[in-house]
Amino acid sequence: MKKANTSTVSATTTTDNKSEIESHDLSEVSNAAAPQHDRGKFNEILLESLSEELRKAVKELVKKAGSAGHVDEHGSWDFGVEYDRKRGECSSLNWDAYGIGRDCHTGQLLALVQVRQFHRKKTGYWPSIRKNYFLLGTNEDASIFAHSVSANVVHAAIRRGADVIKAVQDWIFEGDYSGMLRQGDLAMIPCTRRPSAPRVPKRVMILEGSHRLKANVIRQNGAIFAKNPNLIHIPGTHPEVQGENRWYKIVVGKRADFWRFAAPTVD
């Protein structure tokens, strides 16, 4: 059973509640300057171009994301190659990093990775290659999340020289991530005016089965709007989030479709 996280993140106050991570101290790495790196022929980040400390931290993050003991759903990612000499059947699972950076709110280390499956049924057959893209990071309780994201968003950000991490965060929450308050897969986006959506009679809602929203007023028209909102994560993985006495749109982070050979975690 997970221990509830009792700290609070507000629109005006931030916490310094850093998780204790085994082996490499990812929090120290996350406080470093934005990493310099080189890219390969497929726009993958060349790990050898990173500092030794950052390279080890990224590898550790991927290792933990692929360990069934640290994730909610997808089980292990067994990287490596299997080969049947008699039939000529070959399969492999590999990964490359396409983005490395820090969360603009928490400063935690984030990595955008491609998990790639190669399979050839028999010698002489055309192989199939399937790819998933995940944003990896560390939750407040030291568990690892893997959030599936769009390949198009990743490669478009690379082509225009943009911050890949920020680009996928903007895509997940459909807005400027830097201006939001986030709790796991949910975010609160400040509104510039009172929403026109109809007012609902209740002041408390359960979202996505795991987030309790409480507000002075709630309006809903498909989208959910809340004034002076408070979010509590029922399982206790994420800290409480308190908005200001203003209107916010409550957004559930979207996920890209993915191949089942490497699935994302659930919040």
Protein backbone atom coordinates (compact mmCIF):
# COMPACT_ATOMS: atom_id res chain seq x y z
CA MET A 1 0.00 0.00 0.00
CA LYS A 2 1.35 3.41 -0.97
CA LYS A 3 1.86 6.05 1.68
CA ALA A 4 -0.15 9.17 0.99
CA ASN A 5 1.77 12.25 -0.06
CA THR A 6 0.62 15.04 2.26
CA SER A 7 2.51 18.00 0.79
CA THR A 8 0.61 20.67 -1.15
CA VAL A 9 1.42 22.45 -4.40
CA SER A 10 -0.40 25.76 -4.86
CA ALA A 11 -0.57 28.43 -7.52
CA THR A 12 1.54 30.71 -5.32
CA THR A 13 3.66 28.26 -3.34
CA THR A 14 5.87 25.41 -4.50
CA THR A 15 7.23 22.53 -2.43
CA ASP A 16 10.71 21.08 -2.35
CA ASN A 17 9.57 17.52 -1.76
CA LYS A 18 12.10 15.46 -3.72
CA SER A 19 11.83 11.66 -3.84
CA GLU A 20 14.74 9.55 -2.69
CA ILE A 21 15.91 7.62 -5.74
CA GLU A 22 18.10 4.54 -5.61
CA SER A 23 21.70 4.65 -6.92
CA HIS A 24 22.06 7.74 -9.15
CA ASP A 25 20.64 10.93 -7.61
CA LEU A 26 18.35 12.08 -10.39
CA SER A 27 17.40 15.23 -8.49
CA GLU A 28 20.99 16.47 -8.59
CA VAL A 29 21.17 15.84 -12.31
CA SER A 30 17.84 17.62 -12.86
CA ASN A 31 19.19 20.80 -11.29
CA ALA A 32 22.03 21.02 -13.80
CA ALA A 33 21.94 23.28 -16.84
CA ALA A 34 20.07 22.08 -19.93
CA PRO A 35 22.20 19.28 -21.38
CA GLN A 36 24.22 19.70 -24.55
CA HIS A 37 24.05 16.74 -26.90
CA ASP A 38 24.63 15.53 -30.44
CA ARG A 39 22.15 13.63 -32.61
CA GLY A 40 22.64 10.64 -34.90
CA LYS A 41 21.38 9.97 -38.43
CA PHE A 42 17.86 9.16 -37.17
CA ASN A 43 17.83 12.22 -34.86
CA GLU A 44 18.40 10.06 -31.80
CA ILE A 45 20.49 11.58 -29.03
CA LEU A 46 23.97 10.10 -28.97
CA LEU A 47 24.39 9.06 -25.34
CA GLU A 48 28.16 9.30 -25.59
CA SER A 49 27.76 13.05 -26.19
CA LEU A 50 26.22 13.47 -22.70
CA SER A 51 28.14 13.92 -19.49
CA GLU A 52 28.86 10.67 -17.68
CA GLU A 53 26.57 11.64 -14.80
CA LEU A 54 23.63 12.46 -17.06
CA ARG A 55 24.19 9.40 -19.26
CA LYS A 56 24.05 7.12 -16.20
CA ALA A 57 20.93 8.88 -14.91
CA VAL A 58 19.07 8.48 -18.22
CA LYS A 59 20.00 4.80 -18.44
CA GLU A 60 18.85 4.29 -14.86
CA LEU A 61 15.52 5.97 -15.63
CA VAL A 62 14.94 3.70 -18.64
CA LYS A 63 15.95 0.64 -16.62
CA LYS A 64 13.45 1.47 -13.88
CA ALA A 65 10.69 2.30 -16.38
CA GLY A 66 11.13 -1.17 -17.86
CA SER A 67 11.10 -2.95 -14.51
CA ALA A 68 7.78 -4.51 -13.50
CA GLY A 69 8.60 -3.66 -9.88
CA HIS A 70 8.48 0.09 -10.58
CA VAL A 71 5.54 0.49 -12.94
CA ASP A 72 1.78 0.10 -12.79
CA GLU A 73 0.95 -1.75 -15.97
CA HIS A 74 3.33 -2.56 -18.76
CA GLY A 75 5.65 -5.14 -17.18
CA SER A 76 9.28 -5.39 -18.13
CA TRP A 77 11.03 -4.18 -21.27
CA ASP A 78 13.46 -7.00 -22.05
CA PHE A 79 16.00 -5.19 -24.18
CA GLY A 80 18.27 -7.36 -26.27
CA VAL A 81 18.23 -9.81 -29.18
CA GLU A 82 16.82 -13.32 -29.62
CA TYR A 83 17.87 -15.42 -32.62
CA ASP A 84 16.78 -18.85 -33.85
CA ARG A 85 19.63 -20.09 -36.03
CA LYS A 86 17.64 -23.01 -37.43
CA ARG A 87 14.72 -20.93 -38.71
CA GLY A 88 16.48 -17.64 -39.07
CA GLU A 89 13.90 -15.98 -36.85
CA CYS A 90 15.16 -12.87 -35.13
CA SER A 91 13.62 -10.39 -32.72
CA SER A 92 15.05 -7.52 -30.70
CA LEU A 93 13.94 -4.72 -28.41
CA ASN A 94 16.04 -1.54 -28.20
CA TRP A 95 15.70 2.05 -27.12
CA ASP A 96 17.07 5.48 -27.99
CA ALA A 97 16.64 8.86 -26.32
CA TYR A 98 15.10 11.66 -28.38
CA GLY A 99 14.74 14.28 -25.68
CA ILE A 100 16.28 15.03 -22.26
CA GLY A 101 15.41 17.91 -20.00
CA ARG A 102 13.83 19.16 -16.80
CA ASP A 103 10.25 19.67 -15.77
CA CYS A 104 9.75 23.44 -15.65
CA HIS A 105 7.77 23.18 -12.39
CA THR A 106 9.59 20.51 -10.37
CA GLY A 107 13.05 20.48 -11.94
CA GLN A 108 12.96 16.68 -12.15
CA LEU A 109 14.83 14.83 -14.86
CA LEU A 110 12.68 13.77 -17.83
CA ALA A 111 13.61 11.69 -20.85
CA LEU A 112 11.77 11.11 -24.11
CA VAL A 113 12.61 7.64 -25.42
CA GLN A 114 11.77 5.55 -28.43
CA VAL A 115 11.25 1.85 -27.62
CA ARG A 116 11.71 -0.11 -30.83
CA GLN A 117 10.81 -3.72 -31.69
CA PHE A 118 12.39 -5.55 -34.65
CA HIS A 119 11.02 -8.94 -35.73
CA ARG A 120 11.87 -11.15 -38.70
CA LYS A 121 9.90 -14.38 -38.96
CA LYS A 122 12.37 -16.24 -41.16
CA THR A 123 15.55 -15.71 -43.15
CA GLY A 124 14.67 -13.86 -46.34
CA TYR A 125 11.43 -12.43 -44.95
CA TRP A 126 10.86 -8.70 -44.64
CA PRO A 127 11.16 -7.61 -41.00
CA SER A 128 8.53 -5.65 -39.11
CA ILE A 129 9.66 -2.67 -37.06
CA ARG A 130 7.34 -1.07 -34.52
CA LYS A 131 8.07 2.00 -32.41
CA ASN A 132 6.60 3.59 -29.30
CA TYR A 133 7.55 6.95 -27.80
CA PHE A 134 7.37 7.60 -24.05
CA LEU A 135 7.95 10.52 -21.73
CA LEU A 136 9.71 9.06 -18.69
CA GLY A 137 9.99 10.61 -15.26
CA THR A 138 9.75 9.99 -11.53
CA ASN A 139 6.60 10.36 -9.43
CA GLU A 140 6.65 11.88 -5.96
CA ASP A 141 6.64 8.40 -4.38
CA ALA A 142 9.74 7.39 -6.42
CA SER A 143 7.76 5.18 -8.83
CA ILE A 144 8.47 5.74 -12.53
CA PHE A 145 5.95 6.85 -15.12
CA ALA A 146 6.00 6.16 -18.85
CA HIS A 147 3.50 8.32 -20.76
CA SER A 148 2.95 7.45 -24.43
CA VAL A 149 3.28 10.43 -26.76
CA SER A 150 2.94 11.22 -30.45
CA ALA A 151 5.89 10.48 -32.73
CA ASN A 152 4.81 13.38 -34.97
CA VAL A 153 5.12 15.85 -32.08
CA VAL A 154 8.57 14.53 -31.18
CA HIS A 155 10.02 14.77 -34.68
CA ALA A 156 8.33 18.10 -35.47
CA ALA A 157 9.98 19.60 -32.36
CA ILE A 158 13.37 18.24 -33.42
CA ARG A 159 13.00 19.65 -36.95
CA ARG A 160 12.27 23.16 -35.69
CA GLY A 161 14.93 23.02 -32.99
CA ALA A 162 12.40 23.23 -30.16
CA ASP A 163 12.57 21.75 -26.66
CA VAL A 164 11.28 18.19 -27.20
CA ILE A 165 10.27 17.71 -23.56
CA LYS A 166 8.25 20.94 -23.44
CA ALA A 167 6.68 20.16 -26.84
CA VAL A 168 5.30 16.82 -25.71
CA GLN A 169 4.11 18.28 -22.39
CA ASP A 170 2.21 20.99 -24.32
CA TRP A 171 0.71 18.25 -26.52
CA ILE A 172 -0.31 16.07 -23.56
CA PHE A 173 -2.19 18.90 -21.83
CA GLU A 174 -3.22 20.83 -24.96
CA GLY A 175 -1.78 24.17 -23.92
CA ASP A 176 1.23 25.97 -22.51
CA TYR A 177 2.44 23.53 -19.86
CA SER A 178 4.53 26.19 -18.11
CA GLY A 179 1.37 28.06 -17.05
CA MET A 180 -0.44 25.04 -15.60
CA LEU A 181 -0.73 23.33 -12.23
CA ARG A 182 -0.32 19.57 -12.62
CA GLN A 183 -1.20 16.51 -10.59
CA GLY A 184 -0.13 13.34 -12.36
CA ASP A 185 -2.18 13.03 -15.56
CA LEU A 186 -4.40 16.00 -14.68
CA ALA A 187 -3.66 19.70 -15.09
CA MET A 188 -5.42 22.92 -14.14
CA ILE A 189 -5.22 25.68 -16.77
CA PRO A 190 -6.07 29.24 -15.66
CA CYS A 191 -8.98 30.81 -17.57
CA THR A 192 -8.95 34.42 -18.73
CA ARG A 193 -12.68 34.83 -18.04
CA ARG A 194 -15.60 33.01 -16.45
CA PRO A 195 -16.60 30.01 -18.58
CA SER A 196 -20.06 29.97 -20.16
CA ALA A 197 -20.59 26.27 -19.45
CA PRO A 198 -23.65 25.39 -17.31
CA ARG A 199 -23.17 25.28 -13.56
CA VAL A 200 -23.50 21.84 -11.97
CA PRO A 201 -25.07 21.36 -8.52
CA LYS A 202 -22.17 19.42 -7.00
CA ARG A 203 -18.93 20.84 -5.63
CA VAL A 204 -16.99 17.56 -5.55
CA MET A 205 -16.19 15.24 -8.47
CA ILE A 206 -14.03 12.14 -8.88
CA LEU A 207 -11.98 12.35 -12.08
CA GLU A 208 -10.36 9.42 -13.85
CA GLY A 209 -11.25 7.27 -10.84
CA SER A 210 -8.32 8.56 -8.80
CA HIS A 211 -8.43 12.38 -8.48
CA ARG A 212 -10.90 14.15 -6.19
CA LEU A 213 -11.79 17.66 -7.36
CA LYS A 214 -13.36 20.08 -4.89
CA ALA A 215 -14.22 23.66 -5.82
CA ASN A 216 -16.43 26.60 -4.88
CA VAL A 217 -18.26 26.26 -8.20
CA ILE A 218 -18.02 23.66 -11.00
CA ARG A 219 -19.23 24.20 -14.56
CA GLN A 220 -19.33 21.52 -17.24
CA ASN A 221 -20.15 21.25 -20.94
CA GLY A 222 -18.00 18.26 -21.84
CA ALA A 223 -15.02 20.20 -20.49
CA ILE A 224 -14.83 20.77 -16.74
CA PHE A 225 -14.22 24.20 -15.20
CA ALA A 226 -13.70 24.88 -11.50
CA LYS A 227 -13.36 28.00 -9.36
CA ASN A 228 -10.87 27.89 -6.49
CA PRO A 229 -10.15 24.21 -7.25
CA ASN A 230 -8.45 21.69 -5.00
CA LEU A 231 -7.18 18.35 -6.31
CA ILE A 232 -6.35 15.35 -4.13
CA HIS A 233 -4.88 12.17 -5.60
CA ILE A 234 -6.79 9.38 -3.86
CA PRO A 235 -4.01 6.74 -4.07
CA GLY A 236 -1.62 9.32 -2.60
CA THR A 237 1.09 9.17 -5.25
CA HIS A 238 0.91 12.91 -6.03
CA PRO A 239 0.69 15.86 -3.60
CA GLU A 240 -2.42 17.94 -3.15
CA VAL A 241 -2.79 20.81 -5.63
CA GLN A 242 -4.56 24.06 -4.72
CA GLY A 243 -5.52 26.71 -7.25
CA GLU A 244 -6.23 30.38 -6.65
CA ASN A 245 -9.71 31.85 -6.22
CA ARG A 246 -10.24 32.05 -9.98
CA TRP A 247 -11.49 29.83 -12.80
CA TYR A 248 -9.48 26.92 -14.17
CA LYS A 249 -10.10 24.38 -16.91
CA ILE A 250 -9.39 20.83 -15.72
CA VAL A 251 -7.59 18.84 -18.40
CA VAL A 252 -6.90 15.11 -18.52
CA GLY A 253 -3.58 14.48 -20.24
CA LYS A 254 -3.96 12.65 -23.52
CA ARG A 255 -1.91 9.61 -24.53
CA ALA A 256 -0.84 8.42 -27.95
CA ASP A 257 -1.84 5.04 -29.31
CA PHE A 258 0.88 2.48 -28.73
CA TRP A 259 1.99 -1.01 -29.72
CA ARG A 260 1.35 -3.48 -26.91
CA PHE A 261 4.92 -4.82 -26.90
CA ALA A 262 5.78 -1.76 -24.73
CA ALA A 263 2.80 -0.19 -23.00
CA PRO A 264 2.61 2.93 -20.80
CA THR A 265 1.97 3.11 -17.08
CA VAL A 266 -1.35 4.26 -15.62
CA ASP A 267 -1.73 7.12 -13.15
